Structures are given as structure tokens and as C-alpha cells.
Amino acid sequence: MVDRVTATEAALQFIEELRAEFGPLMFLLSGGCCDGSVPNCYKVGEVLPGQTMILLGQVGGADFYLGHQEFQYYENSQLVLDVQPGNGGDFSLDCGRGKAFTTRSRLFTDAEQATLRPIDAP
């Protein structure tokens, strides 16, 4: 079975760095402009996912939520969490650390599509 969201080794290492400092983590990618268009990393409980957020899966033990409108766009794609030089969103735990979480996507193959678990969209 294929996951709807995965992470590169660099992203997994960065998640571990942040977890060591802040404890359990979660990600929100809600679309829109500015901070909503990048994956934001938060301490669990710091931000509550809204009713229109979909739990897409986990990366490095951290829940990854996606806005339902973004899910309509990405439902046939796998999101890959990565890290690049730069700054994260203003409220994201990666802000000011010289590297930032990013996502890219790839389309599922027909065989992968057939194995996906359905998601309860709001």
C-alpha cells in the first residue's frame, strides 16, 4: 500500500531535530496565500486542525493535515515533504532556522491508485 504523504531523509532528520526541542509535532498545509501555501510545523496541541482539514497521513511520526480544497487538487497525487534552504512560515517551528519544509507532488500510478484507502472528506 502506498502512502498519500511521505518525507525525504532530510525532512525526517529535520523533524527529529524539532521534535527533540519541542516534543510531538504536526503539520498543516491549508493552501491560500503566504503561510498557508507551505507546510507549517507546530507542536501538537498548539494549533487545532479545522473541520475542513483532512488527516492525510503521518511523516516521521507527525500527523500531516491538508485542507479539503487542496485535497481535491492533490487526491490523485502523493505529497513528498522535503527541506530546502530558506525560512519557514512565520508561525511554523522551522522559521528562522535557515531551512524550511516544502512539498512537491507526483501522480499515483493506476496500480497505486487502486490500493489507496479512502479519505473521509468534510
N, C-alpha and C. Protein backbone atom coordinates (compact mmCIF):
# COMPACT_ATOMS: atom_id res chain seq x y z
N MET A 1 0.85 -1.18 0.00
CA MET A 1 0.00 0.00 0.00
C MET A 1 0.89 1.24 0.00
N VAL A 2 0.51 2.22 -0.77
CA VAL A 2 1.28 3.45 -0.91
C VAL A 2 0.70 4.51 0.04
N ASP A 3 1.58 5.34 0.58
CA ASP A 3 1.16 6.42 1.46
C ASP A 3 0.80 7.66 0.65
N ARG A 4 -0.15 8.43 1.16
CA ARG A 4 -0.54 9.68 0.50
C ARG A 4 0.47 10.79 0.75
N VAL A 5 1.24 10.67 1.82
CA VAL A 5 2.28 11.66 2.13
C VAL A 5 3.51 10.91 2.63
N THR A 6 4.67 11.32 2.14
CA THR A 6 5.95 10.74 2.55
C THR A 6 6.91 11.88 2.83
N ALA A 7 8.11 11.54 3.25
CA ALA A 7 9.12 12.55 3.54
C ALA A 7 10.49 12.07 3.10
N THR A 8 11.30 13.00 2.67
CA THR A 8 12.68 12.68 2.32
C THR A 8 13.48 12.46 3.60
N GLU A 9 14.66 11.89 3.45
CA GLU A 9 15.52 11.68 4.62
C GLU A 9 15.87 13.02 5.28
N ALA A 10 16.11 14.05 4.49
CA ALA A 10 16.42 15.38 5.05
C ALA A 10 15.25 15.90 5.88
N ALA A 11 14.03 15.71 5.39
CA ALA A 11 12.85 16.16 6.14
C ALA A 11 12.70 15.36 7.43
N LEU A 12 12.92 14.05 7.36
CA LEU A 12 12.82 13.22 8.56
C LEU A 12 13.84 13.63 9.61
N GLN A 13 15.06 13.95 9.18
CA GLN A 13 16.09 14.41 10.13
C GLN A 13 15.70 15.74 10.76
N PHE A 14 15.14 16.64 9.97
CA PHE A 14 14.72 17.95 10.49
C PHE A 14 13.55 17.78 11.46
N ILE A 15 12.63 16.89 11.15
CA ILE A 15 11.53 16.60 12.07
C ILE A 15 12.09 16.12 13.41
N GLU A 16 13.09 15.25 13.37
CA GLU A 16 13.69 14.73 14.61
C GLU A 16 14.36 15.85 15.41
N GLU A 17 15.05 16.77 14.71
CA GLU A 17 15.67 17.92 15.40
C GLU A 17 14.61 18.74 16.13
N LEU A 18 13.53 19.03 15.42
CA LEU A 18 12.47 19.85 16.01
C LEU A 18 11.76 19.10 17.13
N ARG A 19 11.53 17.80 16.96
CA ARG A 19 10.88 17.00 18.00
C ARG A 19 11.73 16.97 19.26
N ALA A 20 13.05 16.88 19.12
CA ALA A 20 13.93 16.86 20.29
C ALA A 20 13.81 18.16 21.08
N GLU A 21 13.56 19.25 20.40
CA GLU A 21 13.43 20.55 21.06
C GLU A 21 12.02 20.84 21.56
N PHE A 22 11.00 20.45 20.78
CA PHE A 22 9.64 20.88 21.07
C PHE A 22 8.68 19.76 21.49
N GLY A 23 9.06 18.51 21.31
CA GLY A 23 8.14 17.41 21.62
C GLY A 23 7.35 17.00 20.39
N PRO A 24 6.19 16.35 20.60
CA PRO A 24 5.38 15.86 19.48
C PRO A 24 4.98 16.98 18.52
N LEU A 25 5.01 16.65 17.21
CA LEU A 25 4.77 17.64 16.17
C LEU A 25 3.61 17.25 15.27
N MET A 26 3.13 18.23 14.51
CA MET A 26 2.11 18.03 13.49
C MET A 26 2.35 19.02 12.36
N PHE A 27 1.78 18.74 11.19
CA PHE A 27 1.89 19.61 10.03
C PHE A 27 0.51 20.00 9.52
N LEU A 28 0.40 21.24 9.05
CA LEU A 28 -0.80 21.74 8.39
C LEU A 28 -0.40 22.36 7.06
N LEU A 29 -1.11 21.99 6.01
CA LEU A 29 -0.94 22.61 4.70
C LEU A 29 -2.34 22.97 4.24
N SER A 30 -2.65 24.27 4.30
CA SER A 30 -4.03 24.68 4.07
C SER A 30 -4.24 25.44 2.78
N GLY A 31 -3.20 25.70 2.03
CA GLY A 31 -3.36 26.43 0.78
C GLY A 31 -3.53 27.91 1.04
N GLY A 32 -4.07 28.60 0.07
CA GLY A 32 -4.23 30.04 0.22
C GLY A 32 -2.92 30.74 -0.08
N CYS A 33 -2.76 31.88 0.52
CA CYS A 33 -1.54 32.65 0.27
C CYS A 33 -0.62 32.60 1.48
N CYS A 34 0.55 33.11 1.30
CA CYS A 34 1.52 33.31 2.38
C CYS A 34 1.79 32.02 3.13
N ASP A 35 1.63 32.04 4.47
CA ASP A 35 1.99 30.90 5.29
C ASP A 35 1.16 29.65 5.00
N GLY A 36 -0.06 29.81 4.52
CA GLY A 36 -0.91 28.65 4.26
C GLY A 36 -0.48 27.84 3.06
N SER A 37 0.38 28.41 2.21
CA SER A 37 0.78 27.71 0.99
C SER A 37 2.02 26.85 1.18
N VAL A 38 2.57 26.82 2.38
CA VAL A 38 3.71 25.97 2.70
C VAL A 38 3.32 25.07 3.87
N PRO A 39 3.97 23.91 4.01
CA PRO A 39 3.65 23.06 5.15
C PRO A 39 4.17 23.71 6.43
N ASN A 40 3.27 23.94 7.36
CA ASN A 40 3.64 24.54 8.64
C ASN A 40 3.73 23.46 9.69
N CYS A 41 4.80 23.51 10.49
CA CYS A 41 5.06 22.55 11.54
C CYS A 41 4.75 23.20 12.89
N TYR A 42 3.95 22.50 13.70
CA TYR A 42 3.55 23.01 15.01
C TYR A 42 3.74 21.94 16.07
N LYS A 43 3.81 22.37 17.33
CA LYS A 43 3.74 21.44 18.44
C LYS A 43 2.31 20.91 18.48
N VAL A 44 2.16 19.63 18.79
CA VAL A 44 0.82 19.06 18.91
C VAL A 44 0.06 19.84 19.98
N GLY A 45 -1.15 20.25 19.65
CA GLY A 45 -1.99 20.99 20.58
C GLY A 45 -1.86 22.50 20.47
N GLU A 46 -0.81 22.96 19.78
CA GLU A 46 -0.61 24.40 19.62
C GLU A 46 -1.64 25.00 18.67
N VAL A 47 -1.99 24.24 17.64
CA VAL A 47 -2.99 24.64 16.66
C VAL A 47 -3.92 23.44 16.48
N LEU A 48 -5.22 23.71 16.46
CA LEU A 48 -6.18 22.63 16.25
C LEU A 48 -6.62 22.64 14.79
N PRO A 49 -6.51 21.50 14.11
CA PRO A 49 -6.96 21.45 12.72
C PRO A 49 -8.45 21.79 12.64
N GLY A 50 -8.82 22.59 11.66
CA GLY A 50 -10.22 22.96 11.48
C GLY A 50 -11.05 21.80 10.95
N GLN A 51 -12.36 22.01 10.94
CA GLN A 51 -13.28 20.97 10.49
C GLN A 51 -13.09 20.61 9.03
N THR A 52 -12.47 21.49 8.27
CA THR A 52 -12.27 21.22 6.84
C THR A 52 -10.89 20.66 6.54
N MET A 53 -10.13 20.33 7.59
CA MET A 53 -8.81 19.74 7.40
C MET A 53 -8.93 18.22 7.35
N ILE A 54 -8.15 17.60 6.48
CA ILE A 54 -8.15 16.15 6.30
C ILE A 54 -6.82 15.60 6.80
N LEU A 55 -6.88 14.57 7.64
CA LEU A 55 -5.65 13.89 8.06
C LEU A 55 -5.20 13.03 6.90
N LEU A 56 -4.13 13.47 6.23
CA LEU A 56 -3.64 12.80 5.04
C LEU A 56 -2.79 11.58 5.38
N GLY A 57 -2.09 11.64 6.50
CA GLY A 57 -1.21 10.56 6.93
C GLY A 57 -0.23 11.07 7.95
N GLN A 58 0.88 10.36 8.09
CA GLN A 58 1.94 10.76 9.02
C GLN A 58 3.28 10.77 8.30
N VAL A 59 4.14 11.68 8.74
CA VAL A 59 5.53 11.72 8.28
C VAL A 59 6.40 11.81 9.52
N GLY A 60 7.31 10.89 9.65
CA GLY A 60 8.20 10.91 10.80
C GLY A 60 7.46 10.90 12.13
N GLY A 61 6.30 10.25 12.17
CA GLY A 61 5.51 10.17 13.40
C GLY A 61 4.65 11.40 13.66
N ALA A 62 4.64 12.36 12.74
CA ALA A 62 3.85 13.59 12.90
C ALA A 62 2.65 13.55 11.96
N ASP A 63 1.46 13.82 12.50
CA ASP A 63 0.27 13.90 11.65
C ASP A 63 0.44 15.01 10.62
N PHE A 64 -0.07 14.77 9.41
CA PHE A 64 0.01 15.74 8.33
C PHE A 64 -1.41 16.01 7.84
N TYR A 65 -1.89 17.23 8.06
CA TYR A 65 -3.24 17.64 7.68
C TYR A 65 -3.20 18.49 6.42
N LEU A 66 -4.20 18.30 5.59
CA LEU A 66 -4.32 19.04 4.34
C LEU A 66 -5.73 19.62 4.26
N GLY A 67 -5.84 20.87 3.81
CA GLY A 67 -7.15 21.48 3.62
C GLY A 67 -7.97 20.70 2.61
N HIS A 68 -9.29 20.64 2.81
CA HIS A 68 -10.13 19.82 1.92
C HIS A 68 -10.10 20.33 0.48
N GLN A 69 -9.98 21.63 0.27
CA GLN A 69 -9.91 22.14 -1.11
C GLN A 69 -8.59 21.72 -1.76
N GLU A 70 -7.52 21.72 -0.99
CA GLU A 70 -6.23 21.26 -1.51
C GLU A 70 -6.28 19.76 -1.80
N PHE A 71 -7.01 19.02 -0.95
CA PHE A 71 -7.13 17.58 -1.18
C PHE A 71 -7.80 17.31 -2.52
N GLN A 72 -8.78 18.11 -2.89
CA GLN A 72 -9.44 17.93 -4.19
C GLN A 72 -8.41 18.05 -5.32
N TYR A 73 -7.44 18.89 -5.14
CA TYR A 73 -6.39 19.08 -6.14
C TYR A 73 -5.38 17.93 -6.10
N TYR A 74 -5.01 17.49 -4.88
CA TYR A 74 -3.94 16.50 -4.70
C TYR A 74 -4.42 15.07 -4.51
N GLU A 75 -5.71 14.80 -4.60
CA GLU A 75 -6.21 13.47 -4.25
C GLU A 75 -5.61 12.35 -5.11
N ASN A 76 -5.13 12.67 -6.29
CA ASN A 76 -4.51 11.66 -7.16
C ASN A 76 -2.99 11.74 -7.13
N SER A 77 -2.46 12.42 -6.12
CA SER A 77 -1.02 12.64 -6.02
C SER A 77 -0.50 12.28 -4.63
N GLN A 78 0.75 11.90 -4.60
CA GLN A 78 1.44 11.71 -3.34
C GLN A 78 2.21 12.99 -3.02
N LEU A 79 2.05 13.50 -1.81
CA LEU A 79 2.84 14.65 -1.38
C LEU A 79 4.14 14.16 -0.77
N VAL A 80 5.22 14.83 -1.11
CA VAL A 80 6.54 14.50 -0.57
C VAL A 80 7.04 15.71 0.21
N LEU A 81 7.19 15.54 1.52
CA LEU A 81 7.71 16.60 2.37
C LEU A 81 9.22 16.62 2.24
N ASP A 82 9.79 17.79 2.02
CA ASP A 82 11.24 17.94 1.87
C ASP A 82 11.69 19.18 2.62
N VAL A 83 12.96 19.47 2.56
CA VAL A 83 13.56 20.63 3.20
C VAL A 83 14.43 21.34 2.17
N GLN A 84 14.40 22.67 2.20
CA GLN A 84 15.28 23.45 1.32
C GLN A 84 15.81 24.63 2.12
N PRO A 85 16.89 25.25 1.65
CA PRO A 85 17.39 26.45 2.33
C PRO A 85 16.35 27.56 2.30
N GLY A 86 16.26 28.30 3.38
CA GLY A 86 15.31 29.41 3.45
C GLY A 86 14.67 29.48 4.82
N ASN A 87 13.55 30.16 4.89
CA ASN A 87 12.81 30.30 6.14
C ASN A 87 11.43 29.70 5.98
N GLY A 88 10.92 29.10 7.04
CA GLY A 88 9.59 28.54 7.03
C GLY A 88 8.56 29.64 7.23
N GLY A 89 7.29 29.22 7.36
CA GLY A 89 6.22 30.17 7.63
C GLY A 89 6.47 30.88 8.96
N ASP A 90 5.95 32.07 9.10
CA ASP A 90 6.19 32.88 10.30
C ASP A 90 5.84 32.18 11.61
N PHE A 91 4.83 31.32 11.58
CA PHE A 91 4.39 30.67 12.81
C PHE A 91 4.85 29.21 12.89
N SER A 92 5.52 28.74 11.87
CA SER A 92 5.99 27.37 11.81
C SER A 92 7.29 27.22 12.61
N LEU A 93 7.48 26.06 13.21
CA LEU A 93 8.67 25.83 14.03
C LEU A 93 9.96 25.86 13.23
N ASP A 94 9.90 25.75 11.91
CA ASP A 94 11.11 25.81 11.10
C ASP A 94 11.55 27.24 10.80
N CYS A 95 10.75 28.22 11.17
CA CYS A 95 11.05 29.63 10.89
C CYS A 95 12.35 30.07 11.57
N GLY A 96 13.21 30.74 10.80
CA GLY A 96 14.44 31.30 11.35
C GLY A 96 15.57 30.31 11.55
N ARG A 97 15.46 29.12 11.00
CA ARG A 97 16.49 28.09 11.20
C ARG A 97 17.35 27.89 9.97
N GLY A 98 17.12 28.68 8.92
CA GLY A 98 17.95 28.58 7.73
C GLY A 98 17.53 27.50 6.75
N LYS A 99 16.49 26.75 7.11
CA LYS A 99 15.93 25.75 6.20
C LYS A 99 14.43 25.68 6.46
N ALA A 100 13.71 25.26 5.44
CA ALA A 100 12.25 25.29 5.51
C ALA A 100 11.66 24.03 4.90
N PHE A 101 10.53 23.60 5.46
CA PHE A 101 9.80 22.49 4.88
C PHE A 101 9.13 22.94 3.58
N THR A 102 9.13 22.08 2.60
CA THR A 102 8.44 22.30 1.33
C THR A 102 7.74 21.01 0.94
N THR A 103 6.86 21.10 -0.02
CA THR A 103 6.25 19.88 -0.56
C THR A 103 6.36 19.90 -2.07
N ARG A 104 6.40 18.73 -2.62
CA ARG A 104 6.25 18.54 -4.06
C ARG A 104 5.30 17.35 -4.20
N SER A 105 4.85 17.10 -5.39
CA SER A 105 3.89 16.01 -5.56
C SER A 105 4.23 15.20 -6.81
N ARG A 106 3.71 14.00 -6.83
CA ARG A 106 3.81 13.15 -8.01
C ARG A 106 2.50 12.39 -8.13
N LEU A 107 2.07 12.16 -9.37
CA LEU A 107 0.83 11.43 -9.60
C LEU A 107 0.99 9.96 -9.23
N PHE A 108 -0.05 9.40 -8.63
CA PHE A 108 -0.06 7.97 -8.36
C PHE A 108 -0.20 7.21 -9.68
N THR A 109 0.40 6.04 -9.74
CA THR A 109 0.17 5.15 -10.87
C THR A 109 -1.23 4.54 -10.72
N ASP A 110 -1.74 3.93 -11.77
CA ASP A 110 -3.04 3.28 -11.69
C ASP A 110 -3.02 2.17 -10.64
N ALA A 111 -1.93 1.42 -10.56
CA ALA A 111 -1.82 0.34 -9.58
C ALA A 111 -1.81 0.91 -8.16
N GLU A 112 -1.09 2.01 -7.94
CA GLU A 112 -1.08 2.63 -6.61
C GLU A 112 -2.46 3.18 -6.26
N GLN A 113 -3.09 3.80 -7.23
CA GLN A 113 -4.42 4.39 -7.02
C GLN A 113 -5.39 3.33 -6.51
N ALA A 114 -5.28 2.12 -7.01
CA ALA A 114 -6.18 1.05 -6.63
C ALA A 114 -5.99 0.60 -5.19
N THR A 115 -4.83 0.90 -4.60
CA THR A 115 -4.55 0.45 -3.23
C THR A 115 -4.80 1.54 -2.18
N LEU A 116 -5.14 2.75 -2.59
CA LEU A 116 -5.32 3.83 -1.64
C LEU A 116 -6.54 3.63 -0.75
N ARG A 117 -6.36 3.96 0.51
CA ARG A 117 -7.50 3.95 1.42
C ARG A 117 -8.32 5.20 1.18
N PRO A 118 -9.64 5.06 1.21
CA PRO A 118 -10.47 6.26 1.04
C PRO A 118 -10.28 7.23 2.21
N ILE A 119 -10.46 8.48 1.93
CA ILE A 119 -10.36 9.52 2.97
C ILE A 119 -11.74 10.10 3.16
N ASP A 120 -12.13 10.26 4.41
CA ASP A 120 -13.42 10.89 4.71
C ASP A 120 -13.24 12.40 4.60
N ALA A 121 -13.67 12.96 3.49
CA ALA A 121 -13.56 14.40 3.28
C ALA A 121 -14.76 15.09 3.93
N PRO A 122 -14.52 16.28 4.49
CA PRO A 122 -15.63 17.02 5.13
C PRO A 122 -16.66 17.47 4.11
